[in-house]
Full PDB file with SEQRES, HELIX, SHEET, SSBOND, CRYST1, ORIGX, SCALE, CONECT and MASTER records, all heavy atoms in Angstrom:
SEQRES   1 A   37  MET ARG ILE ALA ASN GLU LEU TYR LEU LYS ARG LEU ILE          
SEQRES   2 A   37  VAL GLY GLY PHE ASP GLY VAL TYR GLU PHE SER LYS ASN          
SEQRES   3 A   37  PHE ARG ASN GLU GLY MET ASP ARG THR HIS ASN                  
HELIX    1 AA1 GLU A    6  VAL A   14  1                                   9    
CRYST1    1.000    1.000    1.000  90.00  90.00  90.00 P 1           1          
ORIGX1      1.000000  0.000000  0.000000        0.00000                         
ORIGX2      0.000000  1.000000  0.000000        0.00000                         
ORIGX3      0.000000  0.000000  1.000000        0.00000                         
SCALE1      1.000000  0.000000  0.000000        0.00000                         
SCALE2      0.000000  1.000000  0.000000        0.00000                         
SCALE3      0.000000  0.000000  1.000000        0.00000                         
ATOM      1  N   MET A   1      15.119  52.702 -32.081  1.00  0.00           N  
ATOM      2  CA  MET A   1      14.050  53.230 -32.925  1.00  0.00           C  
ATOM      3  C   MET A   1      12.817  52.379 -32.665  1.00  0.00           C  
ATOM      4  O   MET A   1      12.898  51.149 -32.623  1.00  0.00           O  
ATOM      5  CB  MET A   1      14.440  53.142 -34.393  1.00  0.00           C  
ATOM      6  CG  MET A   1      15.734  53.853 -34.748  1.00  0.00           C  
ATOM      7  SD  MET A   1      15.579  55.627 -34.783  1.00  0.00           S  
ATOM      8  CE  MET A   1      14.825  55.849 -36.391  1.00  0.00           C  
ATOM      9  N   ARG A   2      11.677  53.027 -32.510  1.00  0.00           N  
ATOM     10  CA  ARG A   2      10.503  52.269 -32.079  1.00  0.00           C  
ATOM     11  C   ARG A   2      10.083  51.225 -33.115  1.00  0.00           C  
ATOM     12  O   ARG A   2      10.121  51.477 -34.319  1.00  0.00           O  
ATOM     13  CB  ARG A   2       9.330  53.199 -31.765  1.00  0.00           C  
ATOM     14  CG  ARG A   2       8.667  53.842 -32.947  1.00  0.00           C  
ATOM     15  CD  ARG A   2       7.458  54.654 -32.525  1.00  0.00           C  
ATOM     16  NE  ARG A   2       7.045  55.530 -33.610  1.00  0.00           N  
ATOM     17  CZ  ARG A   2       6.389  56.665 -33.445  1.00  0.00           C  
ATOM     18  NH1 ARG A   2       6.062  57.086 -32.230  1.00  0.00           N  
ATOM     19  NH2 ARG A   2       6.039  57.404 -34.472  1.00  0.00           N  
ATOM     20  N   ILE A   3       9.714  50.065 -32.608  1.00  0.00           N  
ATOM     21  CA  ILE A   3       9.126  49.034 -33.457  1.00  0.00           C  
ATOM     22  C   ILE A   3       7.608  49.109 -33.402  1.00  0.00           C  
ATOM     23  O   ILE A   3       6.916  48.560 -34.265  1.00  0.00           O  
ATOM     24  CB  ILE A   3       9.624  47.627 -33.058  1.00  0.00           C  
ATOM     25  CG1 ILE A   3       9.320  47.330 -31.586  1.00  0.00           C  
ATOM     26  CG2 ILE A   3      11.103  47.481 -33.342  1.00  0.00           C  
ATOM     27  CD1 ILE A   3       9.663  45.924 -31.152  1.00  0.00           C  
ATOM     28  N   ALA A   4       7.072  49.789 -32.379  1.00  0.00           N  
ATOM     29  CA  ALA A   4       5.631  50.000 -32.240  1.00  0.00           C  
ATOM     30  C   ALA A   4       5.423  51.085 -31.187  1.00  0.00           C  
ATOM     31  O   ALA A   4       6.320  51.366 -30.384  1.00  0.00           O  
ATOM     32  CB  ALA A   4       4.915  48.718 -31.835  1.00  0.00           C  
ATOM     33  N   ASN A   5       4.249  51.690 -31.203  1.00  0.00           N  
ATOM     34  CA  ASN A   5       3.951  52.737 -30.225  1.00  0.00           C  
ATOM     35  C   ASN A   5       2.906  52.293 -29.194  1.00  0.00           C  
ATOM     36  O   ASN A   5       2.430  53.079 -28.382  1.00  0.00           O  
ATOM     37  CB  ASN A   5       3.461  54.005 -30.931  1.00  0.00           C  
ATOM     38  CG  ASN A   5       2.249  53.752 -31.823  1.00  0.00           C  
ATOM     39  OD1 ASN A   5       1.881  52.613 -32.069  1.00  0.00           O  
ATOM     40  ND2 ASN A   5       1.646  54.811 -32.315  1.00  0.00           N  
ATOM     41  N   GLU A   6       2.584  51.019 -29.189  1.00  0.00           N  
ATOM     42  CA  GLU A   6       1.473  50.489 -28.398  1.00  0.00           C  
ATOM     43  C   GLU A   6       1.578  50.821 -26.913  1.00  0.00           C  
ATOM     44  O   GLU A   6       0.606  51.285 -26.287  1.00  0.00           O  
ATOM     45  CB  GLU A   6       1.402  48.966 -28.592  1.00  0.00           C  
ATOM     46  CG  GLU A   6       0.349  48.287 -27.738  1.00  0.00           C  
ATOM     47  CD  GLU A   6       0.167  46.823 -28.097  1.00  0.00           C  
ATOM     48  OE1 GLU A   6       0.669  46.402 -29.163  1.00  0.00           O  
ATOM     49  OE2 GLU A   6      -0.466  46.110 -27.308  1.00  0.00           O  
ATOM     50  N   LEU A   7       2.730  50.572 -26.305  1.00  0.00           N  
ATOM     51  CA  LEU A   7       2.824  50.700 -24.854  1.00  0.00           C  
ATOM     52  C   LEU A   7       2.693  52.150 -24.400  1.00  0.00           C  
ATOM     53  O   LEU A   7       2.189  52.416 -23.305  1.00  0.00           O  
ATOM     54  CB  LEU A   7       4.143  50.088 -24.359  1.00  0.00           C  
ATOM     55  CG  LEU A   7       4.355  48.615 -24.711  1.00  0.00           C  
ATOM     56  CD1 LEU A   7       5.596  48.073 -24.012  1.00  0.00           C  
ATOM     57  CD2 LEU A   7       3.137  47.771 -24.346  1.00  0.00           C  
ATOM     58  N   TYR A   8       3.126  53.087 -25.224  1.00  0.00           N  
ATOM     59  CA  TYR A   8       2.970  54.497 -24.877  1.00  0.00           C  
ATOM     60  C   TYR A   8       1.511  54.936 -25.003  1.00  0.00           C  
ATOM     61  O   TYR A   8       1.015  55.723 -24.185  1.00  0.00           O  
ATOM     62  CB  TYR A   8       3.871  55.362 -25.752  1.00  0.00           C  
ATOM     63  CG  TYR A   8       5.314  55.322 -25.311  1.00  0.00           C  
ATOM     64  CD1 TYR A   8       6.205  54.416 -25.879  1.00  0.00           C  
ATOM     65  CD2 TYR A   8       5.783  56.163 -24.307  1.00  0.00           C  
ATOM     66  CE1 TYR A   8       7.531  54.364 -25.472  1.00  0.00           C  
ATOM     67  CE2 TYR A   8       7.107  56.118 -23.885  1.00  0.00           C  
ATOM     68  CZ  TYR A   8       7.974  55.206 -24.464  1.00  0.00           C  
ATOM     69  OH  TYR A   8       9.276  55.155 -24.045  1.00  0.00           O  
ATOM     70  N   LEU A   9       0.822  54.474 -26.032  1.00  0.00           N  
ATOM     71  CA  LEU A   9      -0.585  54.833 -26.184  1.00  0.00           C  
ATOM     72  C   LEU A   9      -1.418  54.283 -25.029  1.00  0.00           C  
ATOM     73  O   LEU A   9      -2.330  54.948 -24.526  1.00  0.00           O  
ATOM     74  CB  LEU A   9      -1.116  54.320 -27.524  1.00  0.00           C  
ATOM     75  CG  LEU A   9      -0.529  55.010 -28.767  1.00  0.00           C  
ATOM     76  CD1 LEU A   9      -1.034  54.337 -30.038  1.00  0.00           C  
ATOM     77  CD2 LEU A   9      -0.864  56.492 -28.790  1.00  0.00           C  
ATOM     78  N   LYS A  10      -1.081  53.071 -24.570  1.00  0.00           N  
ATOM     79  CA  LYS A  10      -1.822  52.512 -23.432  1.00  0.00           C  
ATOM     80  C   LYS A  10      -1.526  53.277 -22.145  1.00  0.00           C  
ATOM     81  O   LYS A  10      -2.390  53.391 -21.277  1.00  0.00           O  
ATOM     82  CB  LYS A  10      -1.499  51.025 -23.296  1.00  0.00           C  
ATOM     83  CG  LYS A  10      -2.171  50.178 -24.375  1.00  0.00           C  
ATOM     84  CD  LYS A  10      -2.240  48.720 -23.989  1.00  0.00           C  
ATOM     85  CE  LYS A  10      -1.246  47.913 -24.753  1.00  0.00           C  
ATOM     86  NZ  LYS A  10      -1.415  46.461 -24.572  1.00  0.00           N  
ATOM     87  N   ARG A  11      -0.323  53.830 -22.026  1.00  0.00           N  
ATOM     88  CA  ARG A  11      -0.034  54.690 -20.873  1.00  0.00           C  
ATOM     89  C   ARG A  11      -0.993  55.882 -20.840  1.00  0.00           C  
ATOM     90  O   ARG A  11      -1.385  56.370 -19.770  1.00  0.00           O  
ATOM     91  CB  ARG A  11       1.414  55.195 -20.939  1.00  0.00           C  
ATOM     92  CG  ARG A  11       2.494  54.170 -20.570  1.00  0.00           C  
ATOM     93  CD  ARG A  11       3.859  54.758 -20.875  1.00  0.00           C  
ATOM     94  NE  ARG A  11       4.992  54.001 -20.351  1.00  0.00           N  
ATOM     95  CZ  ARG A  11       5.654  53.067 -20.987  1.00  0.00           C  
ATOM     96  NH1 ARG A  11       5.271  52.704 -22.210  1.00  0.00           N  
ATOM     97  NH2 ARG A  11       6.690  52.462 -20.426  1.00  0.00           N  
ATOM     98  N   LEU A  12      -1.356  56.375 -22.027  1.00  0.00           N  
ATOM     99  CA  LEU A  12      -2.273  57.517 -22.086  1.00  0.00           C  
ATOM    100  C   LEU A  12      -3.694  57.120 -21.696  1.00  0.00           C  
ATOM    101  O   LEU A  12      -4.441  57.922 -21.132  1.00  0.00           O  
ATOM    102  CB  LEU A  12      -2.250  58.133 -23.492  1.00  0.00           C  
ATOM    103  CG  LEU A  12      -0.895  58.725 -23.910  1.00  0.00           C  
ATOM    104  CD1 LEU A  12      -0.970  59.274 -25.329  1.00  0.00           C  
ATOM    105  CD2 LEU A  12      -0.449  59.809 -22.944  1.00  0.00           C  
ATOM    106  N   ILE A  13      -4.070  55.875 -22.001  1.00  0.00           N  
ATOM    107  CA  ILE A  13      -5.373  55.376 -21.526  1.00  0.00           C  
ATOM    108  C   ILE A  13      -5.350  55.303 -19.995  1.00  0.00           C  
ATOM    109  O   ILE A  13      -6.314  55.686 -19.324  1.00  0.00           O  
ATOM    110  CB  ILE A  13      -5.702  54.005 -22.142  1.00  0.00           C  
ATOM    111  CG1 ILE A  13      -5.827  54.111 -23.672  1.00  0.00           C  
ATOM    112  CG2 ILE A  13      -6.981  53.440 -21.545  1.00  0.00           C  
ATOM    113  CD1 ILE A  13      -6.981  54.958 -24.164  1.00  0.00           C  
ATOM    114  N   VAL A  14      -4.232  54.834 -19.436  1.00  0.00           N  
ATOM    115  CA  VAL A  14      -4.084  54.838 -17.974  1.00  0.00           C  
ATOM    116  C   VAL A  14      -4.247  56.253 -17.441  1.00  0.00           C  
ATOM    117  O   VAL A  14      -4.875  56.492 -16.399  1.00  0.00           O  
ATOM    118  CB  VAL A  14      -2.690  54.279 -17.567  1.00  0.00           C  
ATOM    119  CG1 VAL A  14      -2.437  54.492 -16.072  1.00  0.00           C  
ATOM    120  CG2 VAL A  14      -2.600  52.795 -17.902  1.00  0.00           C  
ATOM    121  N   GLY A  15      -3.692  57.235 -18.182  1.00  0.00           N  
ATOM    122  CA  GLY A  15      -3.726  58.624 -17.745  1.00  0.00           C  
ATOM    123  C   GLY A  15      -5.072  59.298 -17.865  1.00  0.00           C  
ATOM    124  O   GLY A  15      -5.220  60.445 -17.420  1.00  0.00           O  
ATOM    125  N   GLY A  16      -6.064  58.637 -18.484  1.00  0.00           N  
ATOM    126  CA  GLY A  16      -7.407  59.193 -18.472  1.00  0.00           C  
ATOM    127  C   GLY A  16      -8.022  59.518 -19.810  1.00  0.00           C  
ATOM    128  O   GLY A  16      -9.178  59.944 -19.872  1.00  0.00           O  
ATOM    129  N   PHE A  17      -7.290  59.321 -20.915  1.00  0.00           N  
ATOM    130  CA  PHE A  17      -7.905  59.524 -22.223  1.00  0.00           C  
ATOM    131  C   PHE A  17      -8.801  58.331 -22.543  1.00  0.00           C  
ATOM    132  O   PHE A  17      -8.424  57.182 -22.325  1.00  0.00           O  
ATOM    133  CB  PHE A  17      -6.836  59.657 -23.310  1.00  0.00           C  
ATOM    134  CG  PHE A  17      -6.096  60.968 -23.288  1.00  0.00           C  
ATOM    135  CD1 PHE A  17      -4.884  61.084 -22.633  1.00  0.00           C  
ATOM    136  CD2 PHE A  17      -6.622  62.081 -23.921  1.00  0.00           C  
ATOM    137  CE1 PHE A  17      -4.194  62.280 -22.606  1.00  0.00           C  
ATOM    138  CE2 PHE A  17      -5.944  63.295 -23.909  1.00  0.00           C  
ATOM    139  CZ  PHE A  17      -4.733  63.401 -23.244  1.00  0.00           C  
ATOM    140  N   ASP A  18      -9.978  58.606 -23.112  1.00  0.00           N  
ATOM    141  CA  ASP A  18     -10.881  57.515 -23.482  1.00  0.00           C  
ATOM    142  C   ASP A  18     -10.563  56.929 -24.856  1.00  0.00           C  
ATOM    143  O   ASP A  18     -10.905  55.774 -25.130  1.00  0.00           O  
ATOM    144  CB  ASP A  18     -12.341  58.005 -23.480  1.00  0.00           C  
ATOM    145  CG  ASP A  18     -12.925  58.046 -22.084  1.00  0.00           C  
ATOM    146  OD1 ASP A  18     -12.296  57.497 -21.159  1.00  0.00           O  
ATOM    147  OD2 ASP A  18     -14.010  58.637 -21.909  1.00  0.00           O  
ATOM    148  N   GLY A  19      -9.929  57.710 -25.715  1.00  0.00           N  
ATOM    149  CA  GLY A  19      -9.579  57.217 -27.043  1.00  0.00           C  
ATOM    150  C   GLY A  19      -8.425  58.006 -27.618  1.00  0.00           C  
ATOM    151  O   GLY A  19      -8.505  59.237 -27.706  1.00  0.00           O  
ATOM    152  N   VAL A  20      -7.332  57.326 -27.985  1.00  0.00           N  
ATOM    153  CA  VAL A  20      -6.170  57.991 -28.572  1.00  0.00           C  
ATOM    154  C   VAL A  20      -5.720  57.222 -29.808  1.00  0.00           C  
ATOM    155  O   VAL A  20      -5.868  55.998 -29.875  1.00  0.00           O  
ATOM    156  CB  VAL A  20      -4.990  58.106 -27.576  1.00  0.00           C  
ATOM    157  CG1 VAL A  20      -5.322  59.069 -26.455  1.00  0.00           C  
ATOM    158  CG2 VAL A  20      -4.589  56.745 -27.017  1.00  0.00           C  
ATOM    159  N   TYR A  21      -5.187  57.955 -30.777  1.00  0.00           N  
ATOM    160  CA  TYR A  21      -4.647  57.290 -31.965  1.00  0.00           C  
ATOM    161  C   TYR A  21      -3.420  58.046 -32.443  1.00  0.00           C  
ATOM    162  O   TYR A  21      -3.212  59.223 -32.135  1.00  0.00           O  
ATOM    163  CB  TYR A  21      -5.698  57.193 -33.076  1.00  0.00           C  
ATOM    164  CG  TYR A  21      -6.061  58.495 -33.743  1.00  0.00           C  
ATOM    165  CD1 TYR A  21      -5.418  58.907 -34.908  1.00  0.00           C  
ATOM    166  CD2 TYR A  21      -7.075  59.317 -33.228  1.00  0.00           C  
ATOM    167  CE1 TYR A  21      -5.761  60.091 -35.544  1.00  0.00           C  
ATOM    168  CE2 TYR A  21      -7.426  60.506 -33.850  1.00  0.00           C  
ATOM    169  CZ  TYR A  21      -6.767  60.890 -35.006  1.00  0.00           C  
ATOM    170  OH  TYR A  21      -7.099  62.076 -35.635  1.00  0.00           O  
ATOM    171  N   GLU A  22      -2.603  57.347 -33.243  1.00  0.00           N  
ATOM    172  CA  GLU A  22      -1.384  57.942 -33.794  1.00  0.00           C  
ATOM    173  C   GLU A  22      -1.033  57.265 -35.107  1.00  0.00           C  
ATOM    174  O   GLU A  22      -1.136  56.046 -35.240  1.00  0.00           O  
ATOM    175  CB  GLU A  22      -0.214  57.781 -32.810  1.00  0.00           C  
ATOM    176  CG  GLU A  22       1.096  58.393 -33.308  1.00  0.00           C  
ATOM    177  CD  GLU A  22       2.243  58.237 -32.327  1.00  0.00           C  
ATOM    178  OE1 GLU A  22       2.157  57.378 -31.420  1.00  0.00           O  
ATOM    179  OE2 GLU A  22       3.237  58.975 -32.455  1.00  0.00           O  
ATOM    180  N   PHE A  23      -0.632  58.081 -36.078  1.00  0.00           N  
ATOM    181  CA  PHE A  23      -0.002  57.557 -37.291  1.00  0.00           C  
ATOM    182  C   PHE A  23       1.494  57.583 -37.017  1.00  0.00           C  
ATOM    183  O   PHE A  23       2.091  58.656 -36.938  1.00  0.00           O  
ATOM    184  CB  PHE A  23      -0.347  58.416 -38.506  1.00  0.00           C  
ATOM    185  CG  PHE A  23      -1.800  58.369 -38.892  1.00  0.00           C  
ATOM    186  CD1 PHE A  23      -2.695  59.319 -38.436  1.00  0.00           C  
ATOM    187  CD2 PHE A  23      -2.268  57.347 -39.697  1.00  0.00           C  
ATOM    188  CE1 PHE A  23      -4.034  59.272 -38.783  1.00  0.00           C  
ATOM    189  CE2 PHE A  23      -3.612  57.279 -40.056  1.00  0.00           C  
ATOM    190  CZ  PHE A  23      -4.502  58.248 -39.596  1.00  0.00           C  
ATOM    191  N   SER A  24       2.085  56.430 -36.842  1.00  0.00           N  
ATOM    192  CA  SER A  24       3.472  56.389 -36.363  1.00  0.00           C  
ATOM    193  C   SER A  24       4.405  55.787 -37.400  1.00  0.00           C  
ATOM    194  O   SER A  24       4.067  54.809 -38.074  1.00  0.00           O  
ATOM    195  CB  SER A  24       3.560  55.582 -35.065  1.00  0.00           C  
ATOM    196  OG  SER A  24       3.315  54.214 -35.298  1.00  0.00           O  
ATOM    197  N   LYS A  25       5.582  56.398 -37.506  1.00  0.00           N  
ATOM    198  CA  LYS A  25       6.664  55.800 -38.271  1.00  0.00           C  
ATOM    199  C   LYS A  25       7.340  54.766 -37.380  1.00  0.00           C  
ATOM    200  O   LYS A  25       7.839  55.093 -36.305  1.00  0.00           O  
ATOM    201  CB  LYS A  25       7.681  56.867 -38.685  1.00  0.00           C  
ATOM    202  CG  LYS A  25       7.261  57.694 -39.883  1.00  0.00           C  
ATOM    203  CD  LYS A  25       7.302  56.889 -41.161  1.00  0.00           C  
ATOM    204  CE  LYS A  25       7.024  57.762 -42.376  1.00  0.00           C  
ATOM    205  NZ  LYS A  25       6.974  56.958 -43.613  1.00  0.00           N  
ATOM    206  N   ASN A  26       7.347  53.526 -37.818  1.00  0.00           N  
ATOM    207  CA  ASN A  26       7.988  52.446 -37.085  1.00  0.00           C  
ATOM    208  C   ASN A  26       9.187  51.932 -37.877  1.00  0.00           C  
ATOM    209  O   ASN A  26       9.240  52.064 -39.108  1.00  0.00           O  
ATOM    210  CB  ASN A  26       7.002  51.299 -36.837  1.00  0.00           C  
ATOM    211  CG  ASN A  26       5.867  51.715 -35.918  1.00  0.00           C  
ATOM    212  OD1 ASN A  26       5.951  52.732 -35.238  1.00  0.00           O  
ATOM    213  ND2 ASN A  26       4.809  50.936 -35.907  1.00  0.00           N  
ATOM    214  N   PHE A  27      10.121  51.293 -37.160  1.00  0.00           N  
ATOM    215  CA  PHE A  27      11.386  50.891 -37.775  1.00  0.00           C  
ATOM    216  C   PHE A  27      11.736  49.484 -37.304  1.00  0.00           C  
ATOM    217  O   PHE A  27      11.854  49.241 -36.101  1.00  0.00           O  
ATOM    218  CB  PHE A  27      12.500  51.861 -37.383  1.00  0.00           C  
ATOM    219  CG  PHE A  27      12.160  53.299 -37.662  1.00  0.00           C  
ATOM    220  CD1 PHE A  27      11.441  54.051 -36.744  1.00  0.00           C  
ATOM    221  CD2 PHE A  27      12.534  53.897 -38.858  1.00  0.00           C  
ATOM    222  CE1 PHE A  27      11.108  55.377 -36.993  1.00  0.00           C  
ATOM    223  CE2 PHE A  27      12.208  55.224 -39.115  1.00  0.00           C  
ATOM    224  CZ  PHE A  27      11.492  55.958 -38.188  1.00  0.00           C  
ATOM    225  N   ARG A  28      11.892  48.569 -38.244  1.00  0.00           N  
ATOM    226  CA  ARG A  28      12.228  47.192 -37.893  1.00  0.00           C  
ATOM    227  C   ARG A  28      13.412  46.736 -38.741  1.00  0.00           C  
ATOM    228  O   ARG A  28      13.382  46.812 -39.974  1.00  0.00           O  
ATOM    229  CB  ARG A  28      11.014  46.276 -38.068  1.00  0.00           C  
ATOM    230  CG  ARG A  28       9.880  46.719 -37.132  1.00  0.00           C  
ATOM    231  CD  ARG A  28       8.680  45.820 -37.127  1.00  0.00           C  
ATOM    232  NE  ARG A  28       7.665  46.348 -36.214  1.00  0.00           N  
ATOM    233  CZ  ARG A  28       6.464  45.805 -36.018  1.00  0.00           C  
ATOM    234  NH1 ARG A  28       6.141  44.695 -36.665  1.00  0.00           N  
ATOM    235  NH2 ARG A  28       5.611  46.360 -35.180  1.00  0.00           N  
ATOM    236  N   ASN A  29      14.439  46.260 -38.033  1.00  0.00           N  
ATOM    237  CA  ASN A  29      15.707  45.926 -38.669  1.00  0.00           C  
ATOM    238  C   ASN A  29      15.653  44.492 -39.197  1.00  0.00           C  
ATOM    239  O   ASN A  29      16.360  43.605 -38.717  1.00  0.00           O  
ATOM    240  CB  ASN A  29      16.838  46.105 -37.660  1.00  0.00           C  
ATOM    241  CG  ASN A  29      18.199  46.150 -38.328  1.00  0.00           C  
ATOM    242  OD1 ASN A  29      18.305  46.022 -39.544  1.00  0.00           O  
ATOM    243  ND2 ASN A  29      19.234  46.326 -37.538  1.00  0.00           N  
ATOM    244  N   GLU A  30      14.802  44.308 -40.182  1.00  0.00           N  
ATOM    245  CA  GLU A  30      14.535  42.963 -40.702  1.00  0.00           C  
ATOM    246  C   GLU A  30      14.606  42.974 -42.225  1.00  0.00           C  
ATOM    247  O   GLU A  30      15.095  43.929 -42.826  1.00  0.00           O  
ATOM    248  CB  GLU A  30      13.169  42.499 -40.186  1.00  0.00           C  
ATOM    249  CG  GLU A  30      13.133  42.413 -38.661  1.00  0.00           C  
ATOM    250  CD  GLU A  30      11.761  42.133 -38.089  1.00  0.00           C  
ATOM    251  OE1 GLU A  30      10.763  42.383 -38.786  1.00  0.00           O  
ATOM    252  OE2 GLU A  30      11.687  41.682 -36.938  1.00  0.00           O  
ATOM    253  N   GLY A  31      14.099  41.922 -42.840  1.00  0.00           N  
ATOM    254  CA  GLY A  31      14.227  41.766 -44.285  1.00  0.00           C  
ATOM    255  C   GLY A  31      13.423  42.784 -45.075  1.00  0.00           C  
ATOM    256  O   GLY A  31      12.517  43.434 -44.563  1.00  0.00           O  
ATOM    257  N   MET A  32      13.781  42.919 -46.342  1.00  0.00           N  
ATOM    258  CA  MET A  32      13.078  43.791 -47.282  1.00  0.00           C  
ATOM    259  C   MET A  32      12.557  42.945 -48.429  1.00  0.00           C  
ATOM    260  O   MET A  32      13.260  42.093 -48.948  1.00  0.00           O  
ATOM    261  CB  MET A  32      14.021  44.868 -47.831  1.00  0.00           C  
ATOM    262  CG  MET A  32      14.454  45.915 -46.824  1.00  0.00           C  
ATOM    263  SD  MET A  32      15.799  46.956 -47.457  1.00  0.00           S  
ATOM    264  CE  MET A  32      15.144  47.470 -49.050  1.00  0.00           C  
ATOM    265  N   ASP A  33      11.303  43.193 -48.796  1.00  0.00           N  
ATOM    266  CA  ASP A  33      10.738  42.533 -49.969  1.00  0.00           C  
ATOM    267  C   ASP A  33       9.615  43.402 -50.507  1.00  0.00           C  
ATOM    268  O   ASP A  33       9.504  44.574 -50.155  1.00  0.00           O  
ATOM    269  CB  ASP A  33      10.266  41.103 -49.645  1.00  0.00           C  
ATOM    270  CG  ASP A  33       9.244  41.056 -48.508  1.00  0.00           C  
ATOM    271  OD1 ASP A  33       8.449  42.012 -48.381  1.00  0.00           O  
ATOM    272  OD2 ASP A  33       9.244  40.068 -47.752  1.00  0.00           O  
ATOM    273  N   ARG A  34       8.770  42.821 -51.343  1.00  0.00           N  
ATOM    274  CA  ARG A  34       7.728  43.611 -52.005  1.00  0.00           C  
ATOM    275  C   ARG A  34       6.651  44.103 -51.038  1.00  0.00           C  
ATOM    276  O   ARG A  34       5.860  44.982 -51.398  1.00  0.00           O  
ATOM    277  CB  ARG A  34       7.081  42.784 -53.125  1.00  0.00           C  
ATOM    278  CG  ARG A  34       8.012  42.592 -54.309  1.00  0.00           C  
ATOM    279  CD  ARG A  34       7.482  41.551 -55.271  1.00  0.00           C  
ATOM    280  NE  ARG A  34       6.234  41.958 -55.901  1.00  0.00           N  
ATOM    281  CZ  ARG A  34       6.152  42.722 -56.976  1.00  0.00           C  
ATOM    282  NH1 ARG A  34       7.255  43.205 -57.526  1.00  0.00           N  
ATOM    283  NH2 ARG A  34       4.989  43.025 -57.514  1.00  0.00           N  
ATOM    284  N   THR A  35       6.599  43.543 -49.830  1.00  0.00           N  
ATOM    285  CA  THR A  35       5.584  43.997 -48.877  1.00  0.00           C  
ATOM    286  C   THR A  35       6.185  44.515 -47.570  1.00  0.00           C  
ATOM    287  O   THR A  35       5.438  44.815 -46.639  1.00  0.00           O  
ATOM    288  CB  THR A  35       4.582  42.862 -48.558  1.00  0.00           C  
ATOM    289  OG1 THR A  35       5.291  41.739 -48.014  1.00  0.00           O  
ATOM    290  CG2 THR A  35       3.829  42.435 -49.799  1.00  0.00           C  
ATOM    291  N   HIS A  36       7.506  44.606 -47.488  1.00  0.00           N  
ATOM    292  CA  HIS A  36       8.152  45.063 -46.256  1.00  0.00           C  
ATOM    293  C   HIS A  36       9.235  46.098 -46.560  1.00  0.00           C  
ATOM    294  O   HIS A  36      10.076  45.884 -47.439  1.00  0.00           O  
ATOM    295  CB  HIS A  36       8.780  43.896 -45.495  1.00  0.00           C  
ATOM    296  CG  HIS A  36       7.786  42.908 -44.966  1.00  0.00           C  
ATOM    297  ND1 HIS A  36       7.337  41.839 -45.714  1.00  0.00           N  
ATOM    298  CD2 HIS A  36       7.141  42.840 -43.761  1.00  0.00           C  
ATOM    299  CE1 HIS A  36       6.474  41.135 -44.993  1.00  0.00           C  
ATOM    300  NE2 HIS A  36       6.331  41.725 -43.820  1.00  0.00           N  
ATOM    301  N   ASN A  37       9.194  47.193 -45.822  1.00  0.00           N  
ATOM    302  CA  ASN A  37      10.226  48.219 -45.866  1.00  0.00           C  
ATOM    303  C   ASN A  37      10.676  48.451 -44.426  1.00  0.00           C  
ATOM    304  O   ASN A  37       9.843  48.411 -43.511  1.00  0.00           O  
ATOM    305  CB  ASN A  37       9.651  49.525 -46.445  1.00  0.00           C  
ATOM    306  CG  ASN A  37      10.727  50.520 -46.826  1.00  0.00           C  
ATOM    307  OD1 ASN A  37      11.512  50.281 -47.748  1.00  0.00           O  
ATOM    308  ND2 ASN A  37      10.773  51.653 -46.138  1.00  0.00           N  
TER     309      ASN A  37                                                      
MASTER        0    0    0    1    0    0    0    6  308    1    0    3          
END                                                                             
C-alpha cells in the first residue's frame, strides 16, 4: 500500500506535464495517536 505518491507524480513530469497534483490516500503501518491515523 503506498506510503506516498511522489515518485509516480515525478514520472509524469518526466513525461511532459508542467504541473500535476493528486489528493492521495496513503497508508503507513506505524503508531496511532491524536495526530496520526
